[in-house]
Amino acid sequence: MKSKTLIVISTYNEQNNISNVLKEVCKNFKNILVIDNNSEDQTLSKVKKFPVLYAHHNYNLGKSNSMKTGLDFARLKKFKYVAYMDGDGQHKVSDLEKVCKEIYMSKNNLVIGYRKNLHYLNKEKMIGTKILEKLFYILYKKKMLDIQSGLRVFDTKIKKKIYWQSSGIRHYFADAEITCNAVKNNCKIAQVPITTISSKKYKGMNLLQGLLLVIMIFIWRFF
């Protein structure tokens, strides 16, 4: 089934991490697509040293649009599954293998890797993740442990059910929006525990984006 799976890795200024990430991914997967968001460092030149496909955005379109580029390519090339992982080293390839194996062996449409030891995260991410978990349960009546997890795989046939619109200041919201749409549209979802690896410096959403995401979760639920 690996031959039917496209691994999509989004990057932006990851010259210190991308080589180690690709070195491990290439040992286990053949169909790998790196989407570079117009990095200002040597990320792209490092990517070109590996036997992977790559696309380079002429502008930084954000994570959300990078994910869309990956999904569009997967459907164009008729891959059955598309799997996403971050390019900053926050995900283990063994966990990527785990979520892929789960969707191969089950009838699920979407498999999400949830970080099981949140105390390894910095304080902002840990609190934010727990708040989102509880809010999601209240609104959607389903226990989802890590709606923002960037490690996930889904069947490309469910594009219309999970397609996301997040962009601009909301470009980090794609994973959460996919999760919300999947639950609303009764997709079959599995959650698999993965290792929690925290980046050395704070990355991701700022406080304003975090508050906006809370608002968007309400909007996605009722509108």
N, C-alpha and C. Protein backbone atom coordinates (compact mmCIF):
# COMPACT_ATOMS: atom_id res chain seq x y z
N MET A 1 0.81 -1.21 0.00
CA MET A 1 0.00 0.00 0.00
C MET A 1 0.85 1.27 0.00
N LYS A 2 2.11 1.14 0.36
CA LYS A 2 2.98 2.32 0.38
C LYS A 2 3.10 2.94 -1.00
N SER A 3 3.02 2.12 -2.03
CA SER A 3 3.13 2.63 -3.39
C SER A 3 1.93 3.50 -3.76
N LYS A 4 0.86 3.40 -2.98
CA LYS A 4 -0.35 4.17 -3.24
C LYS A 4 -0.45 5.38 -2.31
N THR A 5 0.62 5.65 -1.57
CA THR A 5 0.61 6.73 -0.58
C THR A 5 1.63 7.79 -0.93
N LEU A 6 1.20 9.04 -0.91
CA LEU A 6 2.11 10.17 -1.11
C LEU A 6 2.38 10.82 0.23
N ILE A 7 3.67 10.97 0.57
CA ILE A 7 4.07 11.65 1.79
C ILE A 7 4.34 13.10 1.45
N VAL A 8 3.64 14.02 2.10
CA VAL A 8 3.80 15.45 1.84
C VAL A 8 4.44 16.14 3.05
N ILE A 9 5.52 16.84 2.79
CA ILE A 9 6.25 17.55 3.84
C ILE A 9 6.34 19.02 3.46
N SER A 10 5.80 19.89 4.29
CA SER A 10 5.86 21.33 4.04
C SER A 10 7.07 21.92 4.75
N THR A 11 7.76 22.86 4.08
CA THR A 11 8.94 23.46 4.69
C THR A 11 8.97 24.97 4.50
N TYR A 12 9.57 25.63 5.47
CA TYR A 12 9.88 27.05 5.36
C TYR A 12 11.06 27.32 6.29
N ASN A 13 12.19 27.63 5.71
CA ASN A 13 13.42 27.91 6.48
C ASN A 13 13.75 26.78 7.45
N GLU A 14 13.86 25.57 6.91
CA GLU A 14 14.17 24.40 7.74
C GLU A 14 15.53 23.79 7.36
N GLN A 15 16.50 24.61 7.01
CA GLN A 15 17.79 24.09 6.59
C GLN A 15 18.49 23.28 7.69
N ASN A 16 18.15 23.53 8.93
CA ASN A 16 18.80 22.81 10.03
C ASN A 16 18.13 21.47 10.33
N ASN A 17 16.96 21.24 9.76
CA ASN A 17 16.22 20.03 10.10
C ASN A 17 15.88 19.13 8.92
N ILE A 18 15.71 19.71 7.74
CA ILE A 18 15.13 18.95 6.62
C ILE A 18 15.98 17.77 6.18
N SER A 19 17.30 17.89 6.23
CA SER A 19 18.15 16.78 5.80
C SER A 19 17.94 15.55 6.67
N ASN A 20 17.89 15.75 7.99
CA ASN A 20 17.68 14.63 8.91
C ASN A 20 16.30 14.02 8.72
N VAL A 21 15.30 14.87 8.47
CA VAL A 21 13.95 14.38 8.25
C VAL A 21 13.89 13.51 7.00
N LEU A 22 14.42 14.03 5.90
CA LEU A 22 14.35 13.29 4.63
C LEU A 22 15.20 12.04 4.65
N LYS A 23 16.31 12.08 5.34
CA LYS A 23 17.17 10.90 5.44
C LYS A 23 16.39 9.71 6.01
N GLU A 24 15.59 10.00 7.03
CA GLU A 24 14.82 8.93 7.67
C GLU A 24 13.59 8.54 6.85
N VAL A 25 12.90 9.54 6.30
CA VAL A 25 11.70 9.23 5.52
C VAL A 25 12.04 8.41 4.28
N CYS A 26 13.14 8.74 3.63
CA CYS A 26 13.54 8.04 2.40
C CYS A 26 13.89 6.58 2.64
N LYS A 27 14.21 6.23 3.87
CA LYS A 27 14.51 4.84 4.19
C LYS A 27 13.25 3.99 4.17
N ASN A 28 12.10 4.62 4.35
CA ASN A 28 10.86 3.86 4.54
C ASN A 28 9.80 4.12 3.46
N PHE A 29 9.91 5.24 2.74
CA PHE A 29 8.91 5.57 1.74
C PHE A 29 9.60 6.02 0.45
N LYS A 30 8.90 5.81 -0.67
CA LYS A 30 9.46 6.19 -1.97
C LYS A 30 8.77 7.42 -2.56
N ASN A 31 7.49 7.55 -2.33
CA ASN A 31 6.73 8.66 -2.92
C ASN A 31 6.66 9.83 -1.94
N ILE A 32 7.57 10.76 -2.09
CA ILE A 32 7.70 11.86 -1.14
C ILE A 32 7.69 13.18 -1.91
N LEU A 33 6.87 14.10 -1.46
CA LEU A 33 6.77 15.41 -2.08
C LEU A 33 7.04 16.48 -1.02
N VAL A 34 8.04 17.31 -1.26
CA VAL A 34 8.35 18.42 -0.36
C VAL A 34 7.81 19.71 -0.97
N ILE A 35 7.02 20.44 -0.21
CA ILE A 35 6.49 21.73 -0.66
C ILE A 35 7.26 22.82 0.07
N ASP A 36 8.08 23.56 -0.66
CA ASP A 36 8.85 24.63 -0.02
C ASP A 36 8.16 25.97 -0.22
N ASN A 37 7.93 26.66 0.89
CA ASN A 37 7.20 27.92 0.86
C ASN A 37 8.13 29.11 0.69
N ASN A 38 8.92 29.08 -0.38
CA ASN A 38 9.83 30.19 -0.68
C ASN A 38 10.79 30.47 0.48
N SER A 39 11.44 29.41 0.94
CA SER A 39 12.41 29.55 2.04
C SER A 39 13.51 30.55 1.68
N GLU A 40 13.96 31.27 2.68
CA GLU A 40 15.00 32.27 2.49
C GLU A 40 16.38 31.75 2.84
N ASP A 41 16.46 30.47 3.24
CA ASP A 41 17.75 29.87 3.58
C ASP A 41 18.09 28.77 2.57
N GLN A 42 18.84 27.77 2.98
CA GLN A 42 19.29 26.71 2.06
C GLN A 42 18.40 25.47 2.08
N THR A 43 17.18 25.62 2.55
CA THR A 43 16.27 24.47 2.64
C THR A 43 16.13 23.76 1.30
N LEU A 44 15.80 24.50 0.26
CA LEU A 44 15.53 23.88 -1.05
C LEU A 44 16.76 23.18 -1.62
N SER A 45 17.93 23.78 -1.47
CA SER A 45 19.14 23.15 -2.00
C SER A 45 19.43 21.83 -1.28
N LYS A 46 19.09 21.76 -0.01
CA LYS A 46 19.27 20.50 0.74
C LYS A 46 18.26 19.46 0.29
N VAL A 47 17.03 19.91 0.01
CA VAL A 47 15.99 18.99 -0.46
C VAL A 47 16.40 18.33 -1.78
N LYS A 48 17.02 19.10 -2.65
CA LYS A 48 17.39 18.61 -3.99
C LYS A 48 18.44 17.50 -3.95
N LYS A 49 19.07 17.30 -2.82
CA LYS A 49 20.08 16.25 -2.69
C LYS A 49 19.46 14.87 -2.44
N PHE A 50 18.16 14.84 -2.23
CA PHE A 50 17.47 13.59 -1.92
C PHE A 50 16.58 13.15 -3.08
N PRO A 51 16.31 11.85 -3.18
CA PRO A 51 15.46 11.32 -4.27
C PRO A 51 13.98 11.56 -3.99
N VAL A 52 13.61 12.82 -3.93
CA VAL A 52 12.22 13.18 -3.65
C VAL A 52 11.73 14.17 -4.70
N LEU A 53 10.43 14.27 -4.81
CA LEU A 53 9.82 15.31 -5.64
C LEU A 53 9.73 16.59 -4.80
N TYR A 54 9.76 17.72 -5.46
CA TYR A 54 9.61 18.96 -4.69
C TYR A 54 8.90 20.01 -5.52
N ALA A 55 8.22 20.90 -4.83
CA ALA A 55 7.56 22.04 -5.46
C ALA A 55 7.99 23.27 -4.69
N HIS A 56 8.20 24.34 -5.41
CA HIS A 56 8.65 25.58 -4.77
C HIS A 56 7.64 26.68 -5.03
N HIS A 57 7.03 27.19 -3.95
CA HIS A 57 6.11 28.32 -4.09
C HIS A 57 6.93 29.59 -4.25
N ASN A 58 6.55 30.44 -5.19
CA ASN A 58 7.27 31.70 -5.40
C ASN A 58 7.01 32.71 -4.29
N TYR A 59 5.98 32.45 -3.51
CA TYR A 59 5.66 33.28 -2.34
C TYR A 59 5.36 32.35 -1.18
N ASN A 60 5.49 32.87 0.02
CA ASN A 60 5.15 32.07 1.19
C ASN A 60 3.63 32.05 1.33
N LEU A 61 3.02 30.96 0.90
CA LEU A 61 1.56 30.84 0.92
C LEU A 61 1.04 30.22 2.21
N GLY A 62 1.95 29.87 3.12
CA GLY A 62 1.51 29.29 4.39
C GLY A 62 1.31 27.80 4.33
N LYS A 63 1.22 27.19 5.51
CA LYS A 63 1.10 25.74 5.60
C LYS A 63 -0.16 25.22 4.92
N SER A 64 -1.29 25.92 5.12
CA SER A 64 -2.56 25.46 4.57
C SER A 64 -2.50 25.26 3.07
N ASN A 65 -1.96 26.25 2.35
CA ASN A 65 -1.90 26.15 0.90
C ASN A 65 -0.85 25.14 0.45
N SER A 66 0.19 24.94 1.25
CA SER A 66 1.16 23.88 0.93
C SER A 66 0.48 22.52 0.99
N MET A 67 -0.37 22.34 2.00
CA MET A 67 -1.10 21.08 2.12
C MET A 67 -2.04 20.88 0.93
N LYS A 68 -2.66 21.97 0.46
CA LYS A 68 -3.54 21.87 -0.70
C LYS A 68 -2.75 21.47 -1.95
N THR A 69 -1.56 22.05 -2.10
CA THR A 69 -0.72 21.68 -3.24
C THR A 69 -0.42 20.18 -3.21
N GLY A 70 -0.12 19.67 -2.02
CA GLY A 70 0.16 18.24 -1.87
C GLY A 70 -1.04 17.38 -2.20
N LEU A 71 -2.22 17.78 -1.73
CA LEU A 71 -3.42 17.01 -2.01
C LEU A 71 -3.77 17.04 -3.50
N ASP A 72 -3.65 18.20 -4.12
CA ASP A 72 -3.93 18.31 -5.55
C ASP A 72 -3.01 17.41 -6.37
N PHE A 73 -1.73 17.37 -5.99
CA PHE A 73 -0.78 16.52 -6.69
C PHE A 73 -1.12 15.05 -6.49
N ALA A 74 -1.48 14.69 -5.25
CA ALA A 74 -1.82 13.30 -4.95
C ALA A 74 -3.01 12.83 -5.79
N ARG A 75 -4.00 13.67 -5.93
CA ARG A 75 -5.17 13.30 -6.71
C ARG A 75 -4.85 13.27 -8.22
N LEU A 76 -4.02 14.21 -8.65
CA LEU A 76 -3.62 14.25 -10.06
C LEU A 76 -2.90 12.97 -10.46
N LYS A 77 -2.04 12.49 -9.55
CA LYS A 77 -1.25 11.28 -9.82
C LYS A 77 -1.94 10.01 -9.34
N LYS A 78 -3.20 10.17 -8.89
CA LYS A 78 -4.05 9.04 -8.51
C LYS A 78 -3.50 8.22 -7.33
N PHE A 79 -2.92 8.91 -6.36
CA PHE A 79 -2.55 8.23 -5.11
C PHE A 79 -3.82 8.00 -4.31
N LYS A 80 -3.91 6.86 -3.66
CA LYS A 80 -5.08 6.54 -2.85
C LYS A 80 -5.04 7.30 -1.52
N TYR A 81 -3.84 7.44 -0.97
CA TYR A 81 -3.70 8.11 0.33
C TYR A 81 -2.70 9.26 0.24
N VAL A 82 -2.91 10.25 1.09
CA VAL A 82 -1.92 11.32 1.24
C VAL A 82 -1.64 11.46 2.73
N ALA A 83 -0.37 11.47 3.09
CA ALA A 83 0.04 11.58 4.48
C ALA A 83 0.86 12.86 4.66
N TYR A 84 0.63 13.53 5.77
CA TYR A 84 1.34 14.78 6.05
C TYR A 84 2.21 14.64 7.30
N MET A 85 3.39 15.22 7.22
CA MET A 85 4.23 15.34 8.41
C MET A 85 4.99 16.66 8.32
N ASP A 86 5.41 17.19 9.46
CA ASP A 86 6.12 18.47 9.48
C ASP A 86 7.58 18.29 9.10
N GLY A 87 8.17 19.34 8.57
CA GLY A 87 9.56 19.28 8.13
C GLY A 87 10.56 19.76 9.15
N ASP A 88 10.11 19.98 10.39
CA ASP A 88 11.00 20.54 11.41
C ASP A 88 11.50 19.51 12.42
N GLY A 89 11.22 18.23 12.15
CA GLY A 89 11.71 17.18 13.05
C GLY A 89 10.82 16.88 14.22
N GLN A 90 9.61 17.40 14.23
CA GLN A 90 8.71 17.15 15.36
C GLN A 90 8.02 15.80 15.29
N HIS A 91 8.18 15.10 14.16
CA HIS A 91 7.54 13.80 14.01
C HIS A 91 8.57 12.71 13.70
N LYS A 92 8.38 11.56 14.32
CA LYS A 92 9.24 10.42 14.04
C LYS A 92 8.70 9.64 12.84
N VAL A 93 9.61 9.13 12.02
CA VAL A 93 9.19 8.35 10.87
C VAL A 93 8.50 7.07 11.33
N SER A 94 8.89 6.54 12.47
CA SER A 94 8.23 5.34 12.99
C SER A 94 6.75 5.63 13.29
N ASP A 95 6.45 6.87 13.68
CA ASP A 95 5.05 7.24 13.92
C ASP A 95 4.32 7.46 12.61
N LEU A 96 5.02 7.96 11.61
CA LEU A 96 4.44 8.08 10.27
C LEU A 96 4.06 6.69 9.76
N GLU A 97 4.95 5.73 9.97
CA GLU A 97 4.67 4.35 9.60
C GLU A 97 3.43 3.84 10.34
N LYS A 98 3.32 4.23 11.59
CA LYS A 98 2.22 3.74 12.43
C LYS A 98 0.86 4.24 11.93
N VAL A 99 0.77 5.54 11.61
CA VAL A 99 -0.53 6.06 11.17
C VAL A 99 -0.89 5.52 9.78
N CYS A 100 0.12 5.34 8.95
CA CYS A 100 -0.14 4.77 7.62
C CYS A 100 -0.61 3.33 7.73
N LYS A 101 0.04 2.56 8.57
CA LYS A 101 -0.35 1.16 8.76
C LYS A 101 -1.79 1.07 9.26
N GLU A 102 -2.17 1.98 10.13
CA GLU A 102 -3.53 1.97 10.67
C GLU A 102 -4.57 2.16 9.58
N ILE A 103 -4.33 3.09 8.65
CA ILE A 103 -5.32 3.31 7.60
C ILE A 103 -5.31 2.18 6.57
N TYR A 104 -4.14 1.54 6.38
CA TYR A 104 -4.07 0.41 5.46
C TYR A 104 -4.87 -0.79 5.99
N MET A 105 -4.81 -0.97 7.31
CA MET A 105 -5.39 -2.16 7.92
C MET A 105 -6.85 -1.98 8.36
N SER A 106 -7.36 -0.77 8.22
CA SER A 106 -8.71 -0.49 8.70
C SER A 106 -9.57 0.08 7.58
N LYS A 107 -10.81 0.41 7.92
CA LYS A 107 -11.72 1.04 6.96
C LYS A 107 -11.89 2.51 7.27
N ASN A 108 -10.92 3.08 7.97
CA ASN A 108 -11.00 4.49 8.34
C ASN A 108 -10.68 5.39 7.14
N ASN A 109 -11.30 6.56 7.14
CA ASN A 109 -11.03 7.55 6.11
C ASN A 109 -9.88 8.46 6.48
N LEU A 110 -9.68 8.63 7.79
CA LEU A 110 -8.68 9.57 8.30
C LEU A 110 -8.04 9.00 9.56
N VAL A 111 -6.73 9.08 9.65
CA VAL A 111 -6.02 8.65 10.85
C VAL A 111 -5.15 9.81 11.32
N ILE A 112 -5.29 10.17 12.58
CA ILE A 112 -4.56 11.30 13.16
C ILE A 112 -3.63 10.79 14.25
N GLY A 113 -2.39 11.23 14.22
CA GLY A 113 -1.45 10.90 15.28
C GLY A 113 -1.53 11.94 16.38
N TYR A 114 -1.94 11.52 17.57
CA TYR A 114 -2.06 12.49 18.67
C TYR A 114 -0.87 12.37 19.62
N ARG A 115 -0.38 13.52 20.04
CA ARG A 115 0.76 13.58 20.97
C ARG A 115 0.28 13.16 22.36
N LYS A 116 0.86 12.08 22.87
CA LYS A 116 0.33 11.49 24.11
C LYS A 116 0.94 12.08 25.37
N ASN A 117 2.13 12.66 25.30
CA ASN A 117 2.77 13.22 26.49
C ASN A 117 2.92 14.73 26.34
N LEU A 118 1.86 15.45 26.62
CA LEU A 118 1.84 16.89 26.37
C LEU A 118 2.79 17.67 27.26
N HIS A 119 3.23 17.07 28.37
CA HIS A 119 4.13 17.80 29.26
C HIS A 119 5.50 18.02 28.62
N TYR A 120 5.76 17.37 27.49
CA TYR A 120 7.00 17.62 26.78
C TYR A 120 6.91 18.88 25.90
N LEU A 121 5.70 19.39 25.72
CA LEU A 121 5.52 20.61 24.93
C LEU A 121 5.84 21.84 25.77
N ASN A 122 6.05 22.98 25.10
CA ASN A 122 6.18 24.19 25.87
C ASN A 122 4.81 24.54 26.44
N LYS A 123 4.80 25.44 27.42
CA LYS A 123 3.59 25.73 28.18
C LYS A 123 2.44 26.21 27.29
N GLU A 124 2.75 27.08 26.33
CA GLU A 124 1.70 27.62 25.47
C GLU A 124 1.01 26.53 24.66
N LYS A 125 1.81 25.64 24.07
CA LYS A 125 1.24 24.57 23.24
C LYS A 125 0.45 23.57 24.09
N MET A 126 0.96 23.25 25.27
CA MET A 126 0.28 22.28 26.12
C MET A 126 -1.09 22.79 26.54
N ILE A 127 -1.15 24.03 27.00
CA ILE A 127 -2.43 24.61 27.44
C ILE A 127 -3.38 24.73 26.25
N GLY A 128 -2.86 25.22 25.12
CA GLY A 128 -3.69 25.39 23.94
C GLY A 128 -4.28 24.08 23.46
N THR A 129 -3.48 23.02 23.46
CA THR A 129 -3.95 21.71 23.00
C THR A 129 -5.07 21.18 23.89
N LYS A 130 -4.93 21.35 25.20
CA LYS A 130 -5.96 20.87 26.13
C LYS A 130 -7.25 21.67 26.01
N ILE A 131 -7.12 22.98 25.81
CA ILE A 131 -8.31 23.82 25.64
C ILE A 131 -9.08 23.40 24.38
N LEU A 132 -8.34 23.19 23.29
CA LEU A 132 -8.99 22.80 22.04
C LEU A 132 -9.68 21.45 22.16
N GLU A 133 -9.05 20.54 22.90
CA GLU A 133 -9.64 19.21 23.09
C GLU A 133 -10.99 19.31 23.79
N LYS A 134 -11.05 20.09 24.86
CA LYS A 134 -12.29 20.21 25.63
C LYS A 134 -13.35 20.99 24.86
N LEU A 135 -12.93 22.05 24.17
CA LEU A 135 -13.88 22.82 23.38
C LEU A 135 -14.47 21.98 22.25
N PHE A 136 -13.62 21.19 21.63
CA PHE A 136 -14.08 20.34 20.52
C PHE A 136 -15.12 19.34 21.01
N TYR A 137 -14.88 18.75 22.16
CA TYR A 137 -15.82 17.77 22.70
C TYR A 137 -17.17 18.42 23.00
N ILE A 138 -17.16 19.62 23.55
CA ILE A 138 -18.39 20.33 23.87
C ILE A 138 -19.20 20.63 22.61
N LEU A 139 -18.52 21.05 21.56
CA LEU A 139 -19.21 21.48 20.34
C LEU A 139 -19.55 20.33 19.40
N TYR A 140 -18.64 19.35 19.30
CA TYR A 140 -18.80 18.30 18.29
C TYR A 140 -19.20 16.95 18.88
N LYS A 141 -19.23 16.86 20.22
CA LYS A 141 -19.65 15.62 20.90
C LYS A 141 -18.79 14.43 20.51
N LYS A 142 -17.52 14.69 20.25
CA LYS A 142 -16.58 13.60 19.93
C LYS A 142 -15.23 13.93 20.56
N LYS A 143 -14.63 12.95 21.20
CA LYS A 143 -13.36 13.17 21.87
C LYS A 143 -12.21 13.05 20.87
N MET A 144 -11.62 14.18 20.54
CA MET A 144 -10.46 14.23 19.66
C MET A 144 -9.31 14.81 20.47
N LEU A 145 -8.22 14.07 20.57
CA LEU A 145 -7.16 14.40 21.51
C LEU A 145 -6.17 15.45 21.01
N ASP A 146 -6.10 15.65 19.70
CA ASP A 146 -5.07 16.56 19.18
C ASP A 146 -5.50 17.04 17.79
N ILE A 147 -6.50 17.92 17.76
CA ILE A 147 -7.08 18.31 16.47
C ILE A 147 -6.10 19.07 15.59
N GLN A 148 -5.02 19.61 16.18
CA GLN A 148 -4.04 20.37 15.43
C GLN A 148 -2.82 19.55 15.03
N SER A 149 -2.84 18.27 15.29
CA SER A 149 -1.68 17.44 14.96
C SER A 149 -1.36 17.51 13.48
N GLY A 150 -0.09 17.70 13.16
CA GLY A 150 0.34 17.78 11.78
C GLY A 150 0.68 16.44 11.16
N LEU A 151 0.60 15.37 11.96
CA LEU A 151 0.89 14.02 11.45
C LEU A 151 -0.43 13.30 11.23
N ARG A 152 -0.80 13.12 9.98
CA ARG A 152 -2.09 12.51 9.66
C ARG A 152 -2.06 11.94 8.25
N VAL A 153 -2.98 11.04 7.99
CA VAL A 153 -3.10 10.44 6.66
C VAL A 153 -4.58 10.25 6.37
N PHE A 154 -4.99 10.50 5.13
CA PHE A 154 -6.39 10.26 4.78
C PHE A 154 -6.53 9.79 3.35
N ASP A 155 -7.69 9.20 3.09
CA ASP A 155 -8.04 8.71 1.76
C ASP A 155 -8.36 9.92 0.88
N THR A 156 -7.72 10.02 -0.27
CA THR A 156 -7.93 11.19 -1.13
C THR A 156 -9.36 11.29 -1.66
N LYS A 157 -10.11 10.21 -1.58
CA LYS A 157 -11.49 10.23 -2.07
C LYS A 157 -12.41 11.10 -1.20
N ILE A 158 -11.98 11.42 0.02
CA ILE A 158 -12.85 12.20 0.90
C ILE A 158 -12.55 13.70 0.80
N LYS A 159 -11.89 14.11 -0.26
CA LYS A 159 -11.52 15.52 -0.41
C LYS A 159 -12.69 16.47 -0.16
N LYS A 160 -13.84 16.20 -0.76
CA LYS A 160 -14.98 17.11 -0.64
C LYS A 160 -15.50 17.19 0.80
N LYS A 161 -15.30 16.13 1.56
CA LYS A 161 -15.80 16.11 2.93
C LYS A 161 -14.89 16.85 3.91
N ILE A 162 -13.61 16.93 3.59
CA ILE A 162 -12.67 17.50 4.57
C ILE A 162 -11.96 18.75 4.04
N TYR A 163 -12.27 19.18 2.82
CA TYR A 163 -11.50 20.26 2.22
C TYR A 163 -11.56 21.53 3.08
N TRP A 164 -10.44 22.19 3.19
CA TRP A 164 -10.28 23.32 4.10
C TRP A 164 -10.09 24.63 3.35
N GLN A 165 -10.47 25.74 3.99
CA GLN A 165 -10.38 27.06 3.37
C GLN A 165 -9.38 27.97 4.09
N SER A 166 -8.83 27.54 5.19
CA SER A 166 -7.94 28.38 5.99
C SER A 166 -6.76 28.91 5.18
N SER A 167 -6.49 30.19 5.32
CA SER A 167 -5.37 30.81 4.63
C SER A 167 -5.03 32.11 5.35
N GLY A 168 -4.03 32.83 4.84
CA GLY A 168 -3.65 34.10 5.46
C GLY A 168 -3.21 33.91 6.89
N ILE A 169 -3.72 34.72 7.80
CA ILE A 169 -3.36 34.61 9.21
C ILE A 169 -3.80 33.27 9.79
N ARG A 170 -4.72 32.59 9.10
CA ARG A 170 -5.25 31.33 9.59
C ARG A 170 -4.58 30.11 8.96
N HIS A 171 -3.43 30.30 8.33
CA HIS A 171 -2.84 29.20 7.56
C HIS A 171 -2.45 28.00 8.42
N TYR A 172 -2.27 28.22 9.73
CA TYR A 172 -1.95 27.10 10.63
C TYR A 172 -3.20 26.31 11.01
N PHE A 173 -4.38 26.76 10.59
CA PHE A 173 -5.62 26.15 11.05
C PHE A 173 -6.04 24.93 10.24
N ALA A 174 -5.34 24.63 9.17
CA ALA A 174 -5.78 23.59 8.24
C ALA A 174 -6.05 22.25 8.94
N ASP A 175 -5.13 21.83 9.80
CA ASP A 175 -5.29 20.53 10.46
C ASP A 175 -6.56 20.50 11.30
N ALA A 176 -6.81 21.58 12.04
CA ALA A 176 -8.02 21.65 12.86
C ALA A 176 -9.27 21.68 12.00
N GLU A 177 -9.23 22.43 10.90
CA GLU A 177 -10.40 22.52 10.02
C GLU A 177 -10.70 21.18 9.37
N ILE A 178 -9.66 20.47 8.97
CA ILE A 178 -9.85 19.12 8.41
C ILE A 178 -10.54 18.22 9.42
N THR A 179 -10.08 18.28 10.66
CA THR A 179 -10.66 17.46 11.72
C THR A 179 -12.12 17.81 11.94
N CYS A 180 -12.42 19.10 12.02
CA CYS A 180 -13.81 19.55 12.22
C CYS A 180 -14.70 19.09 11.07
N ASN A 181 -14.24 19.27 9.85
CA ASN A 181 -15.03 18.87 8.68
C ASN A 181 -15.25 17.36 8.64
N ALA A 182 -14.21 16.62 9.00
CA ALA A 182 -14.32 15.16 8.97
C ALA A 182 -15.36 14.66 9.97
N VAL A 183 -15.37 15.25 11.16
CA VAL A 183 -16.34 14.84 12.18
C VAL A 183 -17.76 15.25 11.75
N LYS A 184 -17.92 16.47 11.25
CA LYS A 184 -19.24 16.94 10.81
C LYS A 184 -19.81 16.07 9.70
N ASN A 185 -18.93 15.55 8.84
CA ASN A 185 -19.38 14.76 7.69
C ASN A 185 -19.30 13.26 7.94
N ASN A 186 -19.19 12.89 9.21
CA ASN A 186 -19.26 11.48 9.62
C ASN A 186 -18.21 10.59 8.97
N CYS A 187 -17.02 11.13 8.77
CA CYS A 187 -15.92 10.30 8.27
C CYS A 187 -15.48 9.34 9.38
N LYS A 188 -14.95 8.22 8.97
CA LYS A 188 -14.44 7.25 9.93
C LYS A 188 -13.02 7.66 10.31
N ILE A 189 -12.82 7.93 11.60
CA ILE A 189 -11.56 8.51 12.07
C ILE A 189 -10.94 7.62 13.15
N ALA A 190 -9.64 7.41 13.05
CA ALA A 190 -8.89 6.71 14.08
C ALA A 190 -7.82 7.66 14.64
N GLN A 191 -7.50 7.48 15.91
CA GLN A 191 -6.47 8.27 16.55
C GLN A 191 -5.38 7.34 17.08
N VAL A 192 -4.16 7.65 16.73
CA VAL A 192 -3.03 6.79 17.10
C VAL A 192 -2.03 7.60 17.93
N PRO A 193 -1.60 7.08 19.08
CA PRO A 193 -0.64 7.82 19.91
C PRO A 193 0.73 7.91 19.25
N ILE A 194 1.35 9.09 19.31
CA ILE A 194 2.68 9.29 18.75
C ILE A 194 3.58 9.97 19.78
N THR A 195 4.87 9.93 19.52
CA THR A 195 5.84 10.54 20.40
C THR A 195 5.73 12.06 20.35
N THR A 196 5.84 12.69 21.49
CA THR A 196 5.80 14.15 21.56
C THR A 196 7.22 14.70 21.51
N ILE A 197 7.52 15.47 20.48
CA ILE A 197 8.82 16.11 20.34
C ILE A 197 8.59 17.61 20.22
N SER A 198 9.13 18.37 21.13
CA SER A 198 8.93 19.81 21.13
C SER A 198 10.12 20.50 20.49
N SER A 199 9.85 21.50 19.65
CA SER A 199 10.94 22.28 19.04
C SER A 199 11.61 23.13 20.11
N LYS A 200 12.88 23.45 19.90
CA LYS A 200 13.64 24.21 20.89
C LYS A 200 13.09 25.62 21.09
N LYS A 201 12.66 26.23 20.01
CA LYS A 201 12.06 27.56 20.12
C LYS A 201 10.58 27.46 19.81
N TYR A 202 9.82 28.42 20.29
CA TYR A 202 8.38 28.38 20.07
C TYR A 202 8.07 28.63 18.61
N LYS A 203 7.33 27.69 18.03
CA LYS A 203 6.93 27.81 16.63
C LYS A 203 5.43 27.60 16.54
N GLY A 204 4.86 28.07 15.46
CA GLY A 204 3.44 27.86 15.27
C GLY A 204 2.64 29.11 15.55
N MET A 205 1.43 28.91 16.07
CA MET A 205 0.51 30.02 16.26
C MET A 205 0.92 30.94 17.40
N ASN A 206 0.62 32.23 17.24
CA ASN A 206 0.78 33.18 18.33
C ASN A 206 -0.54 33.28 19.08
N LEU A 207 -0.60 34.13 20.09
CA LEU A 207 -1.81 34.23 20.92
C LEU A 207 -3.02 34.68 20.11
N LEU A 208 -2.82 35.65 19.22
CA LEU A 208 -3.92 36.14 18.41
C LEU A 208 -4.48 35.03 17.52
N GLN A 209 -3.59 34.25 16.90
CA GLN A 209 -4.05 33.15 16.06
C GLN A 209 -4.77 32.09 16.89
N GLY A 210 -4.28 31.87 18.11
CA GLY A 210 -4.92 30.89 18.98
C GLY A 210 -6.35 31.29 19.32
N LEU A 211 -6.55 32.56 19.63
CA LEU A 211 -7.90 33.05 19.94
C LEU A 211 -8.79 32.98 18.70
N LEU A 212 -8.22 33.30 17.56
CA LEU A 212 -8.98 33.25 16.31
C LEU A 212 -9.38 31.81 15.98
N LEU A 213 -8.50 30.85 16.27
CA LEU A 213 -8.82 29.45 16.01
C LEU A 213 -10.02 29.02 16.85
N VAL A 214 -10.08 29.44 18.09
CA VAL A 214 -11.23 29.12 18.94
C VAL A 214 -12.53 29.62 18.30
N ILE A 215 -12.49 30.84 17.79
CA ILE A 215 -13.66 31.41 17.12
C ILE A 215 -14.02 30.60 15.88
N MET A 216 -12.99 30.21 15.11
CA MET A 216 -13.25 29.47 13.88
C MET A 216 -13.85 28.10 14.16
N ILE A 217 -13.47 27.47 15.26
CA ILE A 217 -14.04 26.16 15.60
C ILE A 217 -15.54 26.29 15.83
N PHE A 218 -15.98 27.40 16.43
CA PHE A 218 -17.41 27.67 16.56
C PHE A 218 -18.04 27.85 15.17
N ILE A 219 -17.42 28.64 14.34
CA ILE A 219 -17.96 28.93 13.00
C ILE A 219 -18.07 27.66 12.17
N TRP A 220 -17.02 26.84 12.17
CA TRP A 220 -17.06 25.59 11.40
C TRP A 220 -18.15 24.66 11.88
N ARG A 221 -18.43 24.71 13.17
CA ARG A 221 -19.45 23.82 13.74
C ARG A 221 -20.86 24.23 13.30
N PHE A 222 -21.16 25.51 13.33
CA PHE A 222 -22.53 25.94 13.13
C PHE A 222 -22.81 26.56 11.75
N PHE A 223 -21.77 26.88 11.01
CA PHE A 223 -22.01 27.48 9.70
C PHE A 223 -21.32 26.71 8.59
